[in-house]
Amino acid sequence: MLMLVAEINTSLDSLGQIFTQVMSWVGNLVTTIAGQPLLLLPVGIFVVGAVIGLAGRLIGR
C-alpha cells in the first residue's frame, strides 16, 4: 500500500511538471500573438470559429 502511494505521488509530481511546462509554452505563444497584430486576426478568426463550432454541437444535442 505504501509503495502504491509513493508511485501515485511520483506520477502526480510528473503531471504537475508537465502542466507547468505546457502553461509556460501557452503563455509564450499568447504573448507572441498579442505582440504581433498581423497574427491577431487569423488567430482570432480561428478561435471564434472554434467557439461557434463547439456551441453548435452542444446546442444541437
C-alpha atoms as a PDB file:
ATOM      1  CA  MET A   1       0.000   0.000   0.000  1.00  0.00           C
ATOM      2  CA  LEU A   2       2.808   2.404   0.879  1.00  0.00           C
ATOM      3  CA  MET A   3       4.511   1.616  -2.440  1.00  0.00           C
ATOM      4  CA  LEU A   4       1.305   2.495  -4.319  1.00  0.00           C
ATOM      5  CA  VAL A   5       1.032   5.855  -2.550  1.00  0.00           C
ATOM      6  CA  ALA A   6       4.648   6.641  -3.431  1.00  0.00           C
ATOM      7  CA  GLU A   7       4.017   5.796  -7.097  1.00  0.00           C
ATOM      8  CA  ILE A   8       0.895   7.960  -7.183  1.00  0.00           C
ATOM      9  CA  ASN A   9       2.813  10.873  -5.644  1.00  0.00           C
ATOM     10  CA  THR A  10       5.571  10.477  -8.223  1.00  0.00           C
ATOM     11  CA  SER A  11       3.020  10.400 -11.036  1.00  0.00           C
ATOM     12  CA  LEU A  12       1.252  13.497  -9.731  1.00  0.00           C
ATOM     13  CA  ASP A  13       4.560  15.334  -9.429  1.00  0.00           C
ATOM     14  CA  SER A  14       5.371  14.431 -13.046  1.00  0.00           C
ATOM     15  CA  LEU A  15       1.945  15.593 -14.224  1.00  0.00           C
ATOM     16  CA  GLY A  16       2.422  18.854 -12.327  1.00  0.00           C
ATOM     17  CA  GLN A  17       5.741  19.483 -14.044  1.00  0.00           C
ATOM     18  CA  ILE A  18       4.237  18.718 -17.459  1.00  0.00           C
ATOM     19  CA  PHE A  19       1.272  21.036 -16.780  1.00  0.00           C
ATOM     20  CA  THR A  20       3.610  23.822 -15.664  1.00  0.00           C
ATOM     21  CA  GLN A  21       5.723  23.476 -18.823  1.00  0.00           C
ATOM     22  CA  VAL A  22       2.680  23.428 -21.111  1.00  0.00           C
ATOM     23  CA  MET A  23       1.281  26.551 -19.427  1.00  0.00           C
ATOM     24  CA  SER A  24       4.669  28.236 -19.920  1.00  0.00           C
ATOM     25  CA  TRP A  25       4.542  27.421 -23.664  1.00  0.00           C
ATOM     26  CA  VAL A  26       0.961  28.672 -23.922  1.00  0.00           C
ATOM     27  CA  GLY A  27       1.931  31.881 -22.149  1.00  0.00           C
ATOM     28  CA  ASN A  28       4.808  32.452 -24.554  1.00  0.00           C
ATOM     29  CA  LEU A  29       2.535  31.752 -27.524  1.00  0.00           C
ATOM     30  CA  VAL A  30      -0.136  34.185 -26.310  1.00  0.00           C
ATOM     31  CA  THR A  31       2.492  36.850 -25.671  1.00  0.00           C
ATOM     32  CA  THR A  32       3.886  36.405 -29.182  1.00  0.00           C
ATOM     33  CA  ILE A  33       0.447  36.540 -30.799  1.00  0.00           C
ATOM     34  CA  ALA A  34      -0.595  39.598 -28.782  1.00  0.00           C
ATOM     35  CA  GLY A  35       2.654  41.342 -29.738  1.00  0.00           C
ATOM     36  CA  GLN A  36       2.147  40.787 -33.476  1.00  0.00           C
ATOM     37  CA  PRO A  37      -1.019  42.484 -34.754  1.00  0.00           C
ATOM     38  CA  LEU A  38      -0.914  40.533 -38.022  1.00  0.00           C
ATOM     39  CA  LEU A  39      -1.107  37.247 -36.111  1.00  0.00           C
ATOM     40  CA  LEU A  40      -4.015  38.501 -34.029  1.00  0.00           C
ATOM     41  CA  LEU A  41      -6.512  38.485 -36.916  1.00  0.00           C
ATOM     42  CA  PRO A  42      -6.147  34.877 -38.164  1.00  0.00           C
ATOM     43  CA  VAL A  43      -5.857  33.505 -34.640  1.00  0.00           C
ATOM     44  CA  GLY A  44      -8.923  35.479 -33.568  1.00  0.00           C
ATOM     45  CA  ILE A  45     -10.918  34.154 -36.532  1.00  0.00           C
ATOM     46  CA  PHE A  46      -9.835  30.605 -35.707  1.00  0.00           C
ATOM     47  CA  VAL A  47     -10.813  30.941 -32.039  1.00  0.00           C
ATOM     48  CA  VAL A  48     -14.207  32.456 -32.877  1.00  0.00           C
ATOM     49  CA  GLY A  49     -14.851  29.675 -35.399  1.00  0.00           C
ATOM     50  CA  ALA A  50     -13.900  27.008 -32.863  1.00  0.00           C
ATOM     51  CA  VAL A  51     -16.218  28.530 -30.242  1.00  0.00           C
ATOM     52  CA  ILE A  52     -19.111  28.714 -32.716  1.00  0.00           C
ATOM     53  CA  GLY A  53     -18.490  25.122 -33.800  1.00  0.00           C
ATOM     54  CA  LEU A  54     -18.426  23.822 -30.234  1.00  0.00           C
ATOM     55  CA  ALA A  55     -21.512  25.831 -29.290  1.00  0.00           C
ATOM     56  CA  GLY A  56     -23.336  24.461 -32.326  1.00  0.00           C
ATOM     57  CA  ARG A  57     -22.506  20.895 -31.344  1.00  0.00           C
ATOM     58  CA  LEU A  58     -23.617  21.431 -27.755  1.00  0.00           C
ATOM     59  CA  ILE A  59     -26.850  23.225 -28.707  1.00  0.00           C
ATOM     60  CA  GLY A  60     -27.643  20.687 -31.428  1.00  0.00           C
ATOM     61  CA  ARG A  61     -27.907  17.827 -28.946  1.00  0.00           C
END
